[in-house]
Amino acid sequence: MRFLGLIIFDPAKDDFLASIRDEKHMTSRSWCSNPSEAKCFKKKQLAINVIRKTIVDTDRILLLAELSDIGSQYQVAFVSQFSFSNGKMIESKPEEKYT
């Protein structure tokens, strides 16, 4: 098994973040259905920064997952759930249905 990085999952859309582009007046994101096409983050803090910006912009729950190559397929292990409430981002354990 080989760890590839951390990926961001949107359970409402059943998609993974594929790319993000920040410009002065606009942020664009693209999403994909296959975890192998997802944007991988090597550092957790970088992924959390993207999650924070995405949650504030879209007001939805996002999950952070570890992506590993286990040979003939990929393994996705959800490690944290993020939501936004009362002006603050909240990190918690993923709901049981994601573990």
C-alpha atoms as a PDB file:
ATOM      1  CA  MET A   1       0.000   0.000   0.000  1.00  0.00           C
ATOM      2  CA  ARG A   2       1.327   3.440  -0.970  1.00  0.00           C
ATOM      3  CA  PHE A   3      -0.042   6.685   0.507  1.00  0.00           C
ATOM      4  CA  LEU A   4      -0.734   9.189  -2.290  1.00  0.00           C
ATOM      5  CA  GLY A   5      -2.010  12.168  -0.318  1.00  0.00           C
ATOM      6  CA  LEU A   6      -5.064  13.817   1.190  1.00  0.00           C
ATOM      7  CA  ILE A   7      -8.141  14.478  -0.930  1.00  0.00           C
ATOM      8  CA  ILE A   8     -11.359  16.467  -0.405  1.00  0.00           C
ATOM      9  CA  PHE A   9     -14.783  14.870  -0.855  1.00  0.00           C
ATOM     10  CA  ASP A  10     -18.201  16.530  -1.150  1.00  0.00           C
ATOM     11  CA  PRO A  11     -20.779  13.961   0.026  1.00  0.00           C
ATOM     12  CA  ALA A  12     -23.722  16.054  -1.204  1.00  0.00           C
ATOM     13  CA  LYS A  13     -22.432  15.834  -4.778  1.00  0.00           C
ATOM     14  CA  ASP A  14     -20.599  12.491  -4.375  1.00  0.00           C
ATOM     15  CA  ASP A  15     -17.533  14.131  -5.962  1.00  0.00           C
ATOM     16  CA  PHE A  16     -13.884  14.777  -5.176  1.00  0.00           C
ATOM     17  CA  LEU A  17     -12.135  18.115  -5.641  1.00  0.00           C
ATOM     18  CA  ALA A  18     -10.116  17.856  -8.858  1.00  0.00           C
ATOM     19  CA  SER A  19      -8.658  21.351  -9.046  1.00  0.00           C
ATOM     20  CA  ILE A  20      -8.916  24.810  -7.564  1.00  0.00           C
ATOM     21  CA  ARG A  21      -7.888  28.099  -9.096  1.00  0.00           C
ATOM     22  CA  ASP A  22      -7.712  31.273  -7.026  1.00  0.00           C
ATOM     23  CA  GLU A  23      -7.624  34.612  -8.763  1.00  0.00           C
ATOM     24  CA  LYS A  24      -7.976  38.102  -7.385  1.00  0.00           C
ATOM     25  CA  HIS A  25     -11.753  38.349  -7.845  1.00  0.00           C
ATOM     26  CA  MET A  26     -12.736  34.731  -8.417  1.00  0.00           C
ATOM     27  CA  THR A  27     -12.179  31.184  -7.208  1.00  0.00           C
ATOM     28  CA  SER A  28     -13.086  28.279  -9.433  1.00  0.00           C
ATOM     29  CA  ARG A  29     -13.234  24.619  -8.503  1.00  0.00           C
ATOM     30  CA  SER A  30     -13.690  21.522 -10.593  1.00  0.00           C
ATOM     31  CA  TRP A  31     -14.930  18.222  -9.230  1.00  0.00           C
ATOM     32  CA  CYS A  32     -14.555  14.610 -10.369  1.00  0.00           C
ATOM     33  CA  SER A  33     -16.197  11.299  -9.517  1.00  0.00           C
ATOM     34  CA  ASN A  34     -13.023   9.206  -9.433  1.00  0.00           C
ATOM     35  CA  PRO A  35     -10.644   9.552  -6.456  1.00  0.00           C
ATOM     36  CA  SER A  36      -7.660   8.790  -8.695  1.00  0.00           C
ATOM     37  CA  GLU A  37      -8.347  12.097 -10.502  1.00  0.00           C
ATOM     38  CA  ALA A  38      -8.669  14.136  -7.280  1.00  0.00           C
ATOM     39  CA  LYS A  39      -6.216  16.844  -6.294  1.00  0.00           C
ATOM     40  CA  CYS A  40      -3.837  15.363  -3.715  1.00  0.00           C
ATOM     41  CA  PHE A  41      -2.421  17.424  -0.889  1.00  0.00           C
ATOM     42  CA  LYS A  42       0.781  16.331   0.813  1.00  0.00           C
ATOM     43  CA  LYS A  43       0.222  18.597   3.823  1.00  0.00           C
ATOM     44  CA  LYS A  44      -2.947  18.512   5.904  1.00  0.00           C
ATOM     45  CA  GLN A  45      -2.907  22.259   6.580  1.00  0.00           C
ATOM     46  CA  LEU A  46      -2.978  23.060   2.853  1.00  0.00           C
ATOM     47  CA  ALA A  47      -6.031  20.814   2.411  1.00  0.00           C
ATOM     48  CA  ILE A  48      -7.726  22.393   5.433  1.00  0.00           C
ATOM     49  CA  ASN A  49      -7.127  25.883   4.013  1.00  0.00           C
ATOM     50  CA  VAL A  50      -8.868  24.852   0.778  1.00  0.00           C
ATOM     51  CA  ILE A  51     -11.696  23.251   2.754  1.00  0.00           C
ATOM     52  CA  ARG A  52     -12.145  26.429   4.818  1.00  0.00           C
ATOM     53  CA  LYS A  53     -12.410  28.595   1.703  1.00  0.00           C
ATOM     54  CA  THR A  54     -14.769  26.142  -0.013  1.00  0.00           C
ATOM     55  CA  ILE A  55     -17.056  25.782   3.006  1.00  0.00           C
ATOM     56  CA  VAL A  56     -17.337  29.542   3.484  1.00  0.00           C
ATOM     57  CA  ASP A  57     -18.149  29.988  -0.215  1.00  0.00           C
ATOM     58  CA  THR A  58     -20.619  27.112  -0.499  1.00  0.00           C
ATOM     59  CA  ASP A  59     -21.936  26.418   3.027  1.00  0.00           C
ATOM     60  CA  ARG A  60     -21.758  22.617   2.847  1.00  0.00           C
ATOM     61  CA  ILE A  61     -20.113  19.690   4.611  1.00  0.00           C
ATOM     62  CA  LEU A  62     -16.802  18.430   3.206  1.00  0.00           C
ATOM     63  CA  LEU A  63     -14.721  15.407   4.140  1.00  0.00           C
ATOM     64  CA  LEU A  64     -10.951  15.012   4.198  1.00  0.00           C
ATOM     65  CA  ALA A  65      -9.712  11.582   3.169  1.00  0.00           C
ATOM     66  CA  GLU A  66      -6.448   9.708   2.802  1.00  0.00           C
ATOM     67  CA  LEU A  67      -5.929   8.249  -0.675  1.00  0.00           C
ATOM     68  CA  SER A  68      -3.768   5.141  -0.999  1.00  0.00           C
ATOM     69  CA  ASP A  69      -2.820   2.931  -3.927  1.00  0.00           C
ATOM     70  CA  ILE A  70      -3.342  -0.679  -2.866  1.00  0.00           C
ATOM     71  CA  GLY A  71      -2.352  -2.300  -6.147  1.00  0.00           C
ATOM     72  CA  SER A  72      -5.210  -2.829  -8.538  1.00  0.00           C
ATOM     73  CA  GLN A  73      -7.401  -0.144  -6.927  1.00  0.00           C
ATOM     74  CA  TYR A  74      -7.439   2.902  -4.671  1.00  0.00           C
ATOM     75  CA  GLN A  75      -8.437   3.052  -1.021  1.00  0.00           C
ATOM     76  CA  VAL A  76     -10.209   6.136   0.339  1.00  0.00           C
ATOM     77  CA  ALA A  77     -10.240   6.474   4.140  1.00  0.00           C
ATOM     78  CA  PHE A  78     -12.205   9.429   5.508  1.00  0.00           C
ATOM     79  CA  VAL A  79     -10.394  11.036   8.442  1.00  0.00           C
ATOM     80  CA  SER A  80     -12.204  14.330   9.188  1.00  0.00           C
ATOM     81  CA  GLN A  81     -15.501  16.052   8.515  1.00  0.00           C
ATOM     82  CA  PHE A  82     -15.737  19.823   8.203  1.00  0.00           C
ATOM     83  CA  SER A  83     -18.762  22.096   8.459  1.00  0.00           C
ATOM     84  CA  PHE A  84     -19.382  25.799   8.980  1.00  0.00           C
ATOM     85  CA  SER A  85     -21.582  27.100  11.775  1.00  0.00           C
ATOM     86  CA  ASN A  86     -21.958  30.493  13.462  1.00  0.00           C
ATOM     87  CA  GLY A  87     -19.036  31.913  11.507  1.00  0.00           C
ATOM     88  CA  LYS A  88     -16.640  29.115  12.472  1.00  0.00           C
ATOM     89  CA  MET A  89     -15.338  26.023  10.733  1.00  0.00           C
ATOM     90  CA  ILE A  90     -15.905  22.886  12.785  1.00  0.00           C
ATOM     91  CA  GLU A  91     -13.791  19.749  12.417  1.00  0.00           C
ATOM     92  CA  SER A  92     -15.227  16.465  13.641  1.00  0.00           C
ATOM     93  CA  LYS A  93     -15.024  12.736  13.057  1.00  0.00           C
ATOM     94  CA  PRO A  94     -16.722  11.653   9.840  1.00  0.00           C
ATOM     95  CA  GLU A  95     -20.275  10.406  10.238  1.00  0.00           C
ATOM     96  CA  GLU A  96     -20.477   6.636  10.593  1.00  0.00           C
ATOM     97  CA  LYS A  97     -21.821   6.207   7.044  1.00  0.00           C
ATOM     98  CA  TYR A  98     -18.449   7.461   5.723  1.00  0.00           C
ATOM     99  CA  THR A  99     -16.189   5.254   7.828  1.00  0.00           C
END
